[in-house]
Amino acid sequence: MLGTDFIIKVIVISASGALAPGPLTASAASLGARMGWKAGLNEAIGHMTVELPLVLAIAYGLHYVFQIPIVSAVFGIIGGAFLLFFAYLTLKDALRGNFNISDVPKYGSAIIAGAALSLFNPYFIAWWIGVGTPLIMEAFQSMFLIGIVILYVSHVWLDYAWLTLMASLGSVSRLKVSVYRVLLIVLALAIVYFGISMIISLAKSL
C-alpha cells in the first residue's frame, strides 16, 4: 500500500521539475501576459497530453523487466544518481536565479505550446525516464493502476498550480527572486536526501 510518505516524496521530487526555470515556466509567463491565467491552465493540459501517456508507457512497458530483482536494483541506483544530478541542476538554477522570457516564441495556442514544449524537450523525457521511473515502478508494483493514479495526481497538480500562477503573474520578473531561490535550494537538499537514500537502499539488495 502507498502511504502519505510516498505522496510527500512524489510531491517534493515533482516540485523540483515543475518549479525549475525552463521553457514551460517561461512560456506560461509570456502567454499569461497576453491571455491571462487561463493560458497557464491550458498549457498544463497540453503538457499532460504528453506526460500521462509517457507515464503509462513506462509503467506497462517496463513493468515485467523491473520484476527481475537485479534489473530493478541497478535501475534504481541509476535513478538515485539522476536525482543527485537533478539536485545539482536545481541548485545551480537557484544560485544563478535569473531567467529570460524574451526569447520565448509567441504560440497561438497555450495547449499546443504545452504539448510541444514537453514532447520536444529532451530534459523532460530524461527526467521521467531517470528520476520518475523508480517512482512509477514503486507505485505500479504496490497498487497497479490505482498506484499510478495516486502517483500522477500527486505529481500533476503542481504543474497546473505552477503554470496557472505564472500565467496569472504575467511576468517572471514580478516574482520575488530571493524567495524563489530559497525554495529551489530547499528542494535540492530534499532531493539529495532521496537520491542518497535510494542508492544506499538498492545497493544493499544487490
N, C-alpha and C. Protein backbone atom coordinates (compact mmCIF):
# COMPACT_ATOMS: atom_id res chain seq x y z
N MET A 1 0.84 -1.20 0.00
CA MET A 1 0.00 0.00 0.00
C MET A 1 0.87 1.25 0.00
N LEU A 2 0.40 2.26 -0.72
CA LEU A 2 1.12 3.52 -0.78
C LEU A 2 0.57 4.47 0.28
N GLY A 3 1.46 4.98 1.12
CA GLY A 3 1.04 5.84 2.21
C GLY A 3 1.37 7.30 1.97
N THR A 4 1.19 8.09 3.03
CA THR A 4 1.45 9.53 2.97
C THR A 4 2.91 9.83 2.65
N ASP A 5 3.82 8.97 3.15
CA ASP A 5 5.23 9.20 2.89
C ASP A 5 5.56 9.13 1.41
N PHE A 6 4.91 8.23 0.70
CA PHE A 6 5.12 8.13 -0.76
C PHE A 6 4.60 9.38 -1.46
N ILE A 7 3.42 9.84 -1.07
CA ILE A 7 2.83 11.03 -1.69
C ILE A 7 3.72 12.25 -1.46
N ILE A 8 4.24 12.39 -0.23
CA ILE A 8 5.13 13.52 0.07
C ILE A 8 6.39 13.44 -0.77
N LYS A 9 6.94 12.23 -0.89
CA LYS A 9 8.14 12.05 -1.70
C LYS A 9 7.88 12.45 -3.15
N VAL A 10 6.74 12.02 -3.70
CA VAL A 10 6.40 12.37 -5.08
C VAL A 10 6.26 13.88 -5.24
N ILE A 11 5.61 14.54 -4.28
CA ILE A 11 5.40 15.98 -4.36
C ILE A 11 6.73 16.73 -4.33
N VAL A 12 7.63 16.33 -3.41
CA VAL A 12 8.92 17.01 -3.29
C VAL A 12 9.74 16.84 -4.56
N ILE A 13 9.83 15.59 -5.04
CA ILE A 13 10.62 15.33 -6.25
C ILE A 13 9.99 16.01 -7.46
N SER A 14 8.67 15.98 -7.56
CA SER A 14 7.98 16.59 -8.68
C SER A 14 8.15 18.10 -8.69
N ALA A 15 8.16 18.69 -7.51
CA ALA A 15 8.30 20.14 -7.42
C ALA A 15 9.61 20.62 -8.02
N SER A 16 10.64 19.79 -7.91
CA SER A 16 11.93 20.17 -8.49
C SER A 16 11.85 20.35 -9.99
N GLY A 17 11.01 19.56 -10.63
CA GLY A 17 10.85 19.69 -12.07
C GLY A 17 9.85 20.76 -12.45
N ALA A 18 8.72 20.80 -11.72
CA ALA A 18 7.64 21.72 -12.07
C ALA A 18 8.05 23.17 -11.84
N LEU A 19 8.81 23.44 -10.75
CA LEU A 19 9.13 24.81 -10.39
C LEU A 19 10.45 25.30 -10.95
N ALA A 20 11.21 24.42 -11.57
CA ALA A 20 12.51 24.83 -12.09
C ALA A 20 12.35 25.74 -13.31
N PRO A 21 13.21 26.75 -13.43
CA PRO A 21 13.16 27.60 -14.62
C PRO A 21 13.32 26.77 -15.89
N GLY A 22 12.48 26.99 -16.85
CA GLY A 22 12.54 26.22 -18.08
C GLY A 22 11.55 26.75 -19.09
N PRO A 23 11.43 26.09 -20.23
CA PRO A 23 10.56 26.60 -21.30
C PRO A 23 9.10 26.69 -20.91
N LEU A 24 8.58 25.73 -20.13
CA LEU A 24 7.17 25.79 -19.73
C LEU A 24 6.91 26.97 -18.81
N THR A 25 7.81 27.17 -17.84
CA THR A 25 7.66 28.29 -16.92
C THR A 25 7.71 29.62 -17.66
N ALA A 26 8.70 29.74 -18.52
CA ALA A 26 8.87 31.00 -19.25
C ALA A 26 7.71 31.26 -20.22
N SER A 27 7.27 30.21 -20.91
CA SER A 27 6.19 30.41 -21.88
C SER A 27 4.87 30.70 -21.17
N ALA A 28 4.65 30.11 -19.98
CA ALA A 28 3.43 30.40 -19.23
C ALA A 28 3.37 31.87 -18.85
N ALA A 29 4.52 32.42 -18.43
CA ALA A 29 4.57 33.83 -18.08
C ALA A 29 4.33 34.72 -19.31
N SER A 30 4.95 34.32 -20.42
CA SER A 30 4.81 35.10 -21.65
C SER A 30 3.38 35.06 -22.19
N LEU A 31 2.80 33.85 -22.25
CA LEU A 31 1.44 33.72 -22.74
C LEU A 31 0.44 34.35 -21.78
N GLY A 32 0.73 34.27 -20.49
CA GLY A 32 -0.16 34.85 -19.50
C GLY A 32 -0.26 36.35 -19.61
N ALA A 33 0.82 36.99 -20.04
CA ALA A 33 0.80 38.44 -20.22
C ALA A 33 -0.21 38.85 -21.28
N ARG A 34 -0.50 37.96 -22.21
CA ARG A 34 -1.43 38.28 -23.29
C ARG A 34 -2.80 37.64 -23.12
N MET A 35 -2.84 36.46 -22.43
CA MET A 35 -4.06 35.67 -22.40
C MET A 35 -4.64 35.48 -21.00
N GLY A 36 -3.92 35.92 -19.96
CA GLY A 36 -4.41 35.76 -18.60
C GLY A 36 -4.12 34.40 -18.02
N TRP A 37 -4.70 34.12 -16.84
CA TRP A 37 -4.38 32.89 -16.10
C TRP A 37 -4.78 31.62 -16.85
N LYS A 38 -5.75 31.70 -17.74
CA LYS A 38 -6.18 30.51 -18.47
C LYS A 38 -5.09 29.97 -19.38
N ALA A 39 -4.14 30.81 -19.75
CA ALA A 39 -3.03 30.34 -20.58
C ALA A 39 -2.23 29.28 -19.84
N GLY A 40 -2.00 29.49 -18.53
CA GLY A 40 -1.27 28.50 -17.74
C GLY A 40 -2.04 27.21 -17.59
N LEU A 41 -3.36 27.32 -17.38
CA LEU A 41 -4.20 26.15 -17.26
C LEU A 41 -4.18 25.33 -18.56
N ASN A 42 -4.33 26.02 -19.68
CA ASN A 42 -4.33 25.33 -20.97
C ASN A 42 -2.96 24.74 -21.30
N GLU A 43 -1.90 25.43 -20.90
CA GLU A 43 -0.57 24.90 -21.16
C GLU A 43 -0.35 23.62 -20.34
N ALA A 44 -0.85 23.59 -19.11
CA ALA A 44 -0.75 22.39 -18.28
C ALA A 44 -1.52 21.22 -18.91
N ILE A 45 -2.66 21.52 -19.52
CA ILE A 45 -3.43 20.48 -20.22
C ILE A 45 -2.61 19.90 -21.37
N GLY A 46 -1.99 20.79 -22.14
CA GLY A 46 -1.15 20.34 -23.24
C GLY A 46 0.03 19.52 -22.76
N HIS A 47 0.63 19.95 -21.67
CA HIS A 47 1.74 19.21 -21.07
C HIS A 47 1.30 17.82 -20.64
N MET A 48 0.10 17.72 -20.07
CA MET A 48 -0.40 16.44 -19.58
C MET A 48 -0.70 15.47 -20.72
N THR A 49 -1.09 15.99 -21.89
CA THR A 49 -1.37 15.10 -23.02
C THR A 49 -0.14 14.34 -23.48
N VAL A 50 1.03 14.89 -23.17
CA VAL A 50 2.28 14.20 -23.50
C VAL A 50 2.77 13.39 -22.29
N GLU A 51 2.63 13.96 -21.12
CA GLU A 51 3.21 13.35 -19.92
C GLU A 51 2.48 12.08 -19.48
N LEU A 52 1.15 12.10 -19.44
CA LEU A 52 0.40 10.95 -18.95
C LEU A 52 0.64 9.69 -19.79
N PRO A 53 0.60 9.77 -21.14
CA PRO A 53 0.92 8.57 -21.93
C PRO A 53 2.34 8.07 -21.67
N LEU A 54 3.27 9.00 -21.42
CA LEU A 54 4.65 8.59 -21.14
C LEU A 54 4.72 7.81 -19.82
N VAL A 55 4.00 8.29 -18.81
CA VAL A 55 3.98 7.60 -17.51
C VAL A 55 3.38 6.20 -17.66
N LEU A 56 2.28 6.10 -18.39
CA LEU A 56 1.63 4.79 -18.58
C LEU A 56 2.53 3.85 -19.38
N ALA A 57 3.21 4.37 -20.37
CA ALA A 57 4.11 3.54 -21.18
C ALA A 57 5.25 2.99 -20.34
N ILE A 58 5.79 3.82 -19.47
CA ILE A 58 6.86 3.36 -18.58
C ILE A 58 6.33 2.27 -17.65
N ALA A 59 5.13 2.51 -17.10
CA ALA A 59 4.56 1.55 -16.15
C ALA A 59 4.27 0.21 -16.80
N TYR A 60 3.64 0.23 -17.95
CA TYR A 60 3.22 -1.03 -18.59
C TYR A 60 4.29 -1.62 -19.49
N GLY A 61 5.09 -0.77 -20.08
CA GLY A 61 6.11 -1.28 -20.99
C GLY A 61 7.31 -1.87 -20.27
N LEU A 62 7.67 -1.31 -19.14
CA LEU A 62 8.86 -1.76 -18.43
C LEU A 62 8.53 -2.59 -17.20
N HIS A 63 7.25 -2.79 -16.96
CA HIS A 63 6.82 -3.45 -15.73
C HIS A 63 7.46 -4.83 -15.54
N TYR A 64 7.38 -5.66 -16.57
CA TYR A 64 7.87 -7.03 -16.43
C TYR A 64 9.39 -7.08 -16.33
N VAL A 65 10.05 -6.15 -17.00
CA VAL A 65 11.51 -6.10 -16.90
C VAL A 65 11.93 -5.80 -15.47
N PHE A 66 11.20 -4.89 -14.82
CA PHE A 66 11.58 -4.47 -13.48
C PHE A 66 11.18 -5.48 -12.40
N GLN A 67 10.52 -6.55 -12.78
CA GLN A 67 10.25 -7.60 -11.81
C GLN A 67 11.50 -8.44 -11.56
N ILE A 68 12.51 -8.32 -12.41
CA ILE A 68 13.78 -9.00 -12.20
C ILE A 68 14.56 -8.22 -11.15
N PRO A 69 14.87 -8.81 -9.99
CA PRO A 69 15.47 -8.06 -8.87
C PRO A 69 16.73 -7.28 -9.24
N ILE A 70 17.65 -7.91 -9.99
CA ILE A 70 18.90 -7.25 -10.31
C ILE A 70 18.66 -6.04 -11.20
N VAL A 71 17.71 -6.17 -12.13
CA VAL A 71 17.38 -5.06 -13.02
C VAL A 71 16.77 -3.91 -12.23
N SER A 72 15.84 -4.24 -11.34
CA SER A 72 15.18 -3.23 -10.53
C SER A 72 16.19 -2.49 -9.65
N ALA A 73 17.10 -3.25 -9.05
CA ALA A 73 18.09 -2.65 -8.16
C ALA A 73 19.05 -1.74 -8.91
N VAL A 74 19.58 -2.24 -10.03
CA VAL A 74 20.54 -1.45 -10.80
C VAL A 74 19.89 -0.18 -11.33
N PHE A 75 18.67 -0.30 -11.87
CA PHE A 75 17.99 0.87 -12.42
C PHE A 75 17.64 1.85 -11.30
N GLY A 76 17.32 1.33 -10.13
CA GLY A 76 17.03 2.20 -9.00
C GLY A 76 18.25 3.01 -8.59
N ILE A 77 19.42 2.38 -8.62
CA ILE A 77 20.65 3.10 -8.32
C ILE A 77 20.91 4.18 -9.36
N ILE A 78 20.65 3.84 -10.63
CA ILE A 78 20.79 4.85 -11.69
C ILE A 78 19.81 5.99 -11.44
N GLY A 79 18.58 5.65 -11.02
CA GLY A 79 17.59 6.68 -10.71
C GLY A 79 18.06 7.58 -9.58
N GLY A 80 18.70 6.97 -8.56
CA GLY A 80 19.24 7.76 -7.47
C GLY A 80 20.32 8.72 -7.95
N ALA A 81 21.15 8.23 -8.88
CA ALA A 81 22.19 9.09 -9.45
C ALA A 81 21.57 10.24 -10.24
N PHE A 82 20.48 9.95 -10.96
CA PHE A 82 19.77 11.00 -11.67
C PHE A 82 19.23 12.04 -10.70
N LEU A 83 18.73 11.58 -9.56
CA LEU A 83 18.21 12.51 -8.56
C LEU A 83 19.32 13.45 -8.07
N LEU A 84 20.49 12.90 -7.82
CA LEU A 84 21.60 13.74 -7.38
C LEU A 84 21.99 14.75 -8.46
N PHE A 85 21.99 14.28 -9.71
CA PHE A 85 22.31 15.20 -10.81
C PHE A 85 21.24 16.28 -10.94
N PHE A 86 19.97 15.87 -10.80
CA PHE A 86 18.89 16.85 -10.90
C PHE A 86 18.96 17.83 -9.74
N ALA A 87 19.36 17.37 -8.55
CA ALA A 87 19.54 18.27 -7.41
C ALA A 87 20.63 19.30 -7.71
N TYR A 88 21.68 18.84 -8.37
CA TYR A 88 22.76 19.76 -8.77
C TYR A 88 22.24 20.83 -9.72
N LEU A 89 21.46 20.40 -10.73
CA LEU A 89 20.92 21.36 -11.69
C LEU A 89 19.96 22.34 -11.00
N THR A 90 19.15 21.84 -10.06
CA THR A 90 18.22 22.70 -9.34
C THR A 90 18.98 23.71 -8.51
N LEU A 91 20.03 23.25 -7.83
CA LEU A 91 20.83 24.15 -7.00
C LEU A 91 21.54 25.20 -7.86
N LYS A 92 22.01 24.77 -9.03
CA LYS A 92 22.67 25.72 -9.93
C LYS A 92 21.70 26.80 -10.39
N ASP A 93 20.46 26.39 -10.72
CA ASP A 93 19.44 27.37 -11.10
C ASP A 93 19.16 28.33 -9.94
N ALA A 94 19.12 27.78 -8.73
CA ALA A 94 18.82 28.61 -7.56
C ALA A 94 19.91 29.67 -7.34
N LEU A 95 21.15 29.26 -7.49
CA LEU A 95 22.26 30.18 -7.26
C LEU A 95 22.37 31.22 -8.37
N ARG A 96 22.03 30.80 -9.58
CA ARG A 96 22.05 31.74 -10.69
C ARG A 96 20.86 32.68 -10.60
N GLY A 97 19.68 32.09 -10.44
CA GLY A 97 18.47 32.84 -10.14
C GLY A 97 18.02 33.84 -11.18
N ASN A 98 18.45 33.71 -12.42
CA ASN A 98 17.97 34.64 -13.44
C ASN A 98 17.50 33.87 -14.66
N PHE A 99 16.44 34.35 -15.28
CA PHE A 99 15.91 33.71 -16.46
C PHE A 99 15.20 34.75 -17.30
N ASN A 100 15.05 34.45 -18.55
CA ASN A 100 14.64 35.45 -19.53
C ASN A 100 13.48 34.92 -20.35
N ILE A 101 12.43 35.70 -20.49
CA ILE A 101 11.29 35.25 -21.28
C ILE A 101 11.25 35.91 -22.66
N SER A 102 12.26 36.72 -22.94
CA SER A 102 12.23 37.47 -24.20
C SER A 102 12.37 36.58 -25.42
N ASP A 103 13.01 35.41 -25.23
CA ASP A 103 13.23 34.51 -26.36
C ASP A 103 12.14 33.47 -26.54
N VAL A 104 11.11 33.51 -25.70
CA VAL A 104 10.04 32.52 -25.80
C VAL A 104 9.15 32.83 -27.00
N PRO A 105 8.91 31.86 -27.87
CA PRO A 105 8.05 32.11 -29.03
C PRO A 105 6.62 32.37 -28.61
N LYS A 106 5.93 33.21 -29.34
CA LYS A 106 4.54 33.56 -29.02
C LYS A 106 3.60 32.57 -29.69
N TYR A 107 3.35 31.43 -29.03
CA TYR A 107 2.47 30.41 -29.58
C TYR A 107 1.03 30.90 -29.58
N GLY A 108 0.29 30.53 -30.61
CA GLY A 108 -1.11 30.93 -30.69
C GLY A 108 -1.98 30.16 -29.74
N SER A 109 -1.65 28.93 -29.45
CA SER A 109 -2.44 28.10 -28.56
C SER A 109 -1.60 27.64 -27.39
N ALA A 110 -2.09 27.92 -26.16
CA ALA A 110 -1.35 27.51 -24.98
C ALA A 110 -1.32 25.99 -24.84
N ILE A 111 -2.38 25.31 -25.28
CA ILE A 111 -2.41 23.85 -25.22
C ILE A 111 -1.33 23.26 -26.14
N ILE A 112 -1.25 23.79 -27.34
CA ILE A 112 -0.23 23.33 -28.28
C ILE A 112 1.16 23.64 -27.74
N ALA A 113 1.32 24.81 -27.14
CA ALA A 113 2.61 25.18 -26.57
C ALA A 113 3.02 24.21 -25.48
N GLY A 114 2.08 23.87 -24.59
CA GLY A 114 2.39 22.95 -23.51
C GLY A 114 2.79 21.58 -24.01
N ALA A 115 2.09 21.09 -25.04
CA ALA A 115 2.41 19.79 -25.62
C ALA A 115 3.75 19.81 -26.34
N ALA A 116 3.97 20.84 -27.15
CA ALA A 116 5.19 20.92 -27.94
C ALA A 116 6.43 21.09 -27.07
N LEU A 117 6.32 21.96 -26.06
CA LEU A 117 7.46 22.21 -25.19
C LEU A 117 7.79 21.01 -24.31
N SER A 118 6.85 20.09 -24.18
CA SER A 118 7.11 18.84 -23.44
C SER A 118 7.65 17.76 -24.36
N LEU A 119 6.95 17.56 -25.48
CA LEU A 119 7.32 16.50 -26.41
C LEU A 119 8.72 16.68 -26.97
N PHE A 120 9.11 17.91 -27.23
CA PHE A 120 10.40 18.18 -27.85
C PHE A 120 11.45 18.67 -26.86
N ASN A 121 11.23 18.35 -25.59
CA ASN A 121 12.18 18.74 -24.56
C ASN A 121 12.90 17.49 -24.04
N PRO A 122 14.12 17.23 -24.48
CA PRO A 122 14.84 16.03 -24.05
C PRO A 122 15.01 15.96 -22.53
N TYR A 123 15.11 17.13 -21.90
CA TYR A 123 15.31 17.17 -20.46
C TYR A 123 14.08 16.63 -19.73
N PHE A 124 12.89 16.94 -20.26
CA PHE A 124 11.64 16.44 -19.68
C PHE A 124 11.56 14.92 -19.80
N ILE A 125 11.90 14.40 -20.98
CA ILE A 125 11.87 12.95 -21.19
C ILE A 125 12.89 12.26 -20.28
N ALA A 126 14.08 12.85 -20.19
CA ALA A 126 15.14 12.26 -19.36
C ALA A 126 14.74 12.26 -17.89
N TRP A 127 14.00 13.30 -17.47
CA TRP A 127 13.57 13.38 -16.07
C TRP A 127 12.66 12.20 -15.73
N TRP A 128 11.70 11.91 -16.62
CA TRP A 128 10.76 10.83 -16.33
C TRP A 128 11.42 9.46 -16.42
N ILE A 129 12.33 9.30 -17.39
CA ILE A 129 13.00 8.01 -17.53
C ILE A 129 13.98 7.78 -16.37
N GLY A 130 14.73 8.81 -16.03
CA GLY A 130 15.75 8.65 -15.00
C GLY A 130 15.25 8.82 -13.58
N VAL A 131 14.49 9.88 -13.33
CA VAL A 131 14.03 10.21 -11.98
C VAL A 131 12.65 9.63 -11.70
N GLY A 132 11.77 9.70 -12.70
CA GLY A 132 10.39 9.29 -12.47
C GLY A 132 10.15 7.79 -12.48
N THR A 133 10.96 7.05 -13.23
CA THR A 133 10.72 5.61 -13.36
C THR A 133 10.73 4.87 -12.03
N PRO A 134 11.69 5.11 -11.13
CA PRO A 134 11.63 4.40 -9.84
C PRO A 134 10.33 4.68 -9.08
N LEU A 135 9.82 5.90 -9.16
CA LEU A 135 8.55 6.24 -8.51
C LEU A 135 7.39 5.51 -9.18
N ILE A 136 7.41 5.48 -10.50
CA ILE A 136 6.35 4.79 -11.26
C ILE A 136 6.33 3.31 -10.91
N MET A 137 7.49 2.69 -10.87
CA MET A 137 7.56 1.26 -10.59
C MET A 137 7.15 0.95 -9.16
N GLU A 138 7.53 1.83 -8.23
CA GLU A 138 7.11 1.63 -6.83
C GLU A 138 5.59 1.70 -6.73
N ALA A 139 4.98 2.68 -7.42
CA ALA A 139 3.53 2.82 -7.38
C ALA A 139 2.84 1.65 -8.07
N PHE A 140 3.37 1.26 -9.23
CA PHE A 140 2.73 0.20 -10.01
C PHE A 140 2.82 -1.15 -9.32
N GLN A 141 3.96 -1.44 -8.75
CA GLN A 141 4.15 -2.73 -8.10
C GLN A 141 3.38 -2.83 -6.79
N SER A 142 3.06 -1.67 -6.19
CA SER A 142 2.30 -1.67 -4.93
C SER A 142 0.80 -1.80 -5.17
N MET A 143 0.27 -1.00 -6.13
CA MET A 143 -1.18 -0.95 -6.29
C MET A 143 -1.61 -0.92 -7.77
N PHE A 144 -0.70 -1.28 -8.67
CA PHE A 144 -1.01 -1.34 -10.10
C PHE A 144 -1.58 -0.01 -10.60
N LEU A 145 -2.68 -0.03 -11.34
CA LEU A 145 -3.19 1.19 -11.95
C LEU A 145 -3.61 2.22 -10.91
N ILE A 146 -4.14 1.76 -9.79
CA ILE A 146 -4.51 2.69 -8.72
C ILE A 146 -3.27 3.42 -8.20
N GLY A 147 -2.17 2.69 -8.11
CA GLY A 147 -0.92 3.31 -7.70
C GLY A 147 -0.46 4.38 -8.66
N ILE A 148 -0.62 4.12 -9.96
CA ILE A 148 -0.26 5.11 -10.97
C ILE A 148 -1.14 6.36 -10.84
N VAL A 149 -2.43 6.14 -10.57
CA VAL A 149 -3.34 7.28 -10.38
C VAL A 149 -2.90 8.12 -9.19
N ILE A 150 -2.56 7.46 -8.07
CA ILE A 150 -2.09 8.17 -6.88
C ILE A 150 -0.82 8.94 -7.19
N LEU A 151 0.12 8.29 -7.87
CA LEU A 151 1.37 8.93 -8.25
C LEU A 151 1.12 10.15 -9.13
N TYR A 152 0.30 9.97 -10.18
CA TYR A 152 0.16 11.04 -11.15
C TYR A 152 -0.62 12.23 -10.60
N VAL A 153 -1.66 11.96 -9.81
CA VAL A 153 -2.40 13.05 -9.20
C VAL A 153 -1.50 13.83 -8.23
N SER A 154 -0.66 13.09 -7.49
CA SER A 154 0.28 13.74 -6.56
C SER A 154 1.28 14.62 -7.31
N HIS A 155 1.55 14.25 -8.55
CA HIS A 155 2.52 15.00 -9.36
C HIS A 155 1.88 16.14 -10.16
N VAL A 156 0.80 15.84 -10.87
CA VAL A 156 0.34 16.76 -11.91
C VAL A 156 -0.29 18.03 -11.37
N TRP A 157 -0.83 18.01 -10.14
CA TRP A 157 -1.46 19.22 -9.62
C TRP A 157 -0.45 20.35 -9.50
N LEU A 158 0.83 19.98 -9.29
CA LEU A 158 1.87 21.01 -9.21
C LEU A 158 2.04 21.72 -10.55
N ASP A 159 1.98 20.95 -11.64
CA ASP A 159 2.08 21.57 -12.97
C ASP A 159 0.95 22.57 -13.19
N TYR A 160 -0.25 22.16 -12.84
CA TYR A 160 -1.40 23.05 -13.03
C TYR A 160 -1.29 24.28 -12.15
N ALA A 161 -0.93 24.08 -10.88
CA ALA A 161 -0.84 25.21 -9.95
C ALA A 161 0.25 26.18 -10.36
N TRP A 162 1.42 25.64 -10.71
CA TRP A 162 2.56 26.50 -11.02
C TRP A 162 2.37 27.25 -12.33
N LEU A 163 1.95 26.55 -13.38
CA LEU A 163 1.80 27.21 -14.67
C LEU A 163 0.66 28.22 -14.65
N THR A 164 -0.42 27.92 -13.91
CA THR A 164 -1.50 28.89 -13.79
C THR A 164 -1.04 30.11 -13.01
N LEU A 165 -0.25 29.88 -11.95
CA LEU A 165 0.30 31.00 -11.18
C LEU A 165 1.19 31.88 -12.04
N MET A 166 2.08 31.24 -12.81
CA MET A 166 3.00 32.01 -13.65
C MET A 166 2.24 32.81 -14.70
N ALA A 167 1.22 32.21 -15.27
CA ALA A 167 0.43 32.93 -16.27
C ALA A 167 -0.32 34.10 -15.64
N SER A 168 -0.84 33.92 -14.43
CA SER A 168 -1.59 34.99 -13.78
C SER A 168 -0.68 36.14 -13.38
N LEU A 169 0.55 35.83 -13.04
CA LEU A 169 1.50 36.90 -12.74
C LEU A 169 1.85 37.68 -14.01
N GLY A 170 1.89 36.96 -15.11
CA GLY A 170 2.12 37.63 -16.39
C GLY A 170 3.58 37.89 -16.71
N SER A 171 4.44 37.84 -15.71
CA SER A 171 5.84 38.11 -15.96
C SER A 171 6.68 37.50 -14.84
N VAL A 172 7.71 36.79 -15.20
CA VAL A 172 8.58 36.17 -14.21
C VAL A 172 9.25 37.24 -13.35
N SER A 173 9.49 38.40 -13.91
CA SER A 173 10.20 39.46 -13.19
C SER A 173 9.42 39.97 -11.99
N ARG A 174 8.12 39.66 -11.92
CA ARG A 174 7.31 40.12 -10.80
C ARG A 174 7.40 39.19 -9.59
N LEU A 175 8.06 38.06 -9.76
CA LEU A 175 8.30 37.17 -8.62
C LEU A 175 9.42 37.73 -7.75
N LYS A 176 9.37 37.46 -6.47
CA LYS A 176 10.49 37.79 -5.59
C LYS A 176 11.54 36.70 -5.77
N VAL A 177 12.60 37.04 -6.48
CA VAL A 177 13.61 36.05 -6.84
C VAL A 177 14.26 35.44 -5.62
N SER A 178 14.43 36.21 -4.55
CA SER A 178 15.09 35.69 -3.35
C SER A 178 14.29 34.55 -2.73
N VAL A 179 12.96 34.69 -2.69
CA VAL A 179 12.10 33.64 -2.15
C VAL A 179 12.15 32.41 -3.04
N TYR A 180 12.11 32.64 -4.34
CA TYR A 180 12.15 31.56 -5.32
C TYR A 180 13.46 30.79 -5.20
N ARG A 181 14.57 31.52 -4.98
CA ARG A 181 15.88 30.89 -4.87
C ARG A 181 15.95 30.00 -3.62
N VAL A 182 15.44 30.50 -2.51
CA VAL A 182 15.44 29.71 -1.27
C VAL A 182 14.62 28.43 -1.45
N LEU A 183 13.48 28.54 -2.12
CA LEU A 183 12.63 27.38 -2.35
C LEU A 183 13.37 26.31 -3.14
N LEU A 184 14.09 26.72 -4.19
CA LEU A 184 14.83 25.76 -5.01
C LEU A 184 15.96 25.11 -4.22
N ILE A 185 16.61 25.88 -3.35
CA ILE A 185 17.69 25.32 -2.54
C ILE A 185 17.14 24.24 -1.60
N VAL A 186 16.01 24.53 -0.96
CA VAL A 186 15.38 23.56 -0.06
C VAL A 186 15.01 22.29 -0.83
N LEU A 187 14.44 22.46 -2.03
CA LEU A 187 14.08 21.31 -2.86
C LEU A 187 15.31 20.50 -3.24
N ALA A 188 16.39 21.19 -3.59
CA ALA A 188 17.62 20.50 -3.99
C ALA A 188 18.15 19.63 -2.86
N LEU A 189 18.14 20.16 -1.64
CA LEU A 189 18.63 19.41 -0.49
C LEU A 189 17.74 18.19 -0.21
N ALA A 190 16.42 18.38 -0.35
CA ALA A 190 15.50 17.26 -0.14
C ALA A 190 15.73 16.16 -1.17
N ILE A 191 15.99 16.56 -2.42
CA ILE A 191 16.22 15.60 -3.49
C ILE A 191 17.52 14.84 -3.27
N VAL A 192 18.55 15.53 -2.74
CA VAL A 192 19.80 14.86 -2.40
C VAL A 192 19.54 13.76 -1.39
N TYR A 193 18.71 14.05 -0.40
CA TYR A 193 18.37 13.05 0.63
C TYR A 193 17.70 11.83 0.00
N PHE A 194 16.70 12.07 -0.86
CA PHE A 194 16.01 10.96 -1.51
C PHE A 194 16.96 10.16 -2.40
N GLY A 195 17.83 10.87 -3.11
CA GLY A 195 18.76 10.20 -4.01
C GLY A 195 19.73 9.30 -3.27
N ILE A 196 20.33 9.82 -2.20
CA ILE A 196 21.28 9.03 -1.42
C ILE A 196 20.58 7.84 -0.76
N SER A 197 19.39 8.09 -0.22
CA SER A 197 18.64 7.01 0.42
C SER A 197 18.31 5.90 -0.57
N MET A 198 17.93 6.28 -1.80
CA MET A 198 17.59 5.29 -2.82
C MET A 198 18.80 4.46 -3.19
N ILE A 199 19.94 5.11 -3.37
CA ILE A 199 21.16 4.39 -3.76
C ILE A 199 21.59 3.42 -2.67
N ILE A 200 21.59 3.88 -1.42
CA ILE A 200 22.02 3.02 -0.31
C ILE A 200 21.07 1.82 -0.16
N SER A 201 19.76 2.08 -0.24
CA SER A 201 18.77 1.00 -0.08
C SER A 201 18.90 -0.06 -1.15
N LEU A 202 19.04 0.38 -2.40
CA LEU A 202 19.09 -0.57 -3.50
C LEU A 202 20.46 -1.23 -3.64
N ALA A 203 21.51 -0.56 -3.19
CA ALA A 203 22.84 -1.16 -3.23
C ALA A 203 22.90 -2.35 -2.29
N LYS A 204 22.16 -2.27 -1.17
CA LYS A 204 22.15 -3.37 -0.21
C LYS A 204 21.45 -4.61 -0.77
N SER A 205 20.58 -4.39 -1.76
CA SER A 205 19.83 -5.52 -2.32
C SER A 205 20.60 -6.24 -3.41
N LEU A 206 21.69 -5.67 -3.83
CA LEU A 206 22.48 -6.31 -4.90
C LEU A 206 23.25 -7.52 -4.37
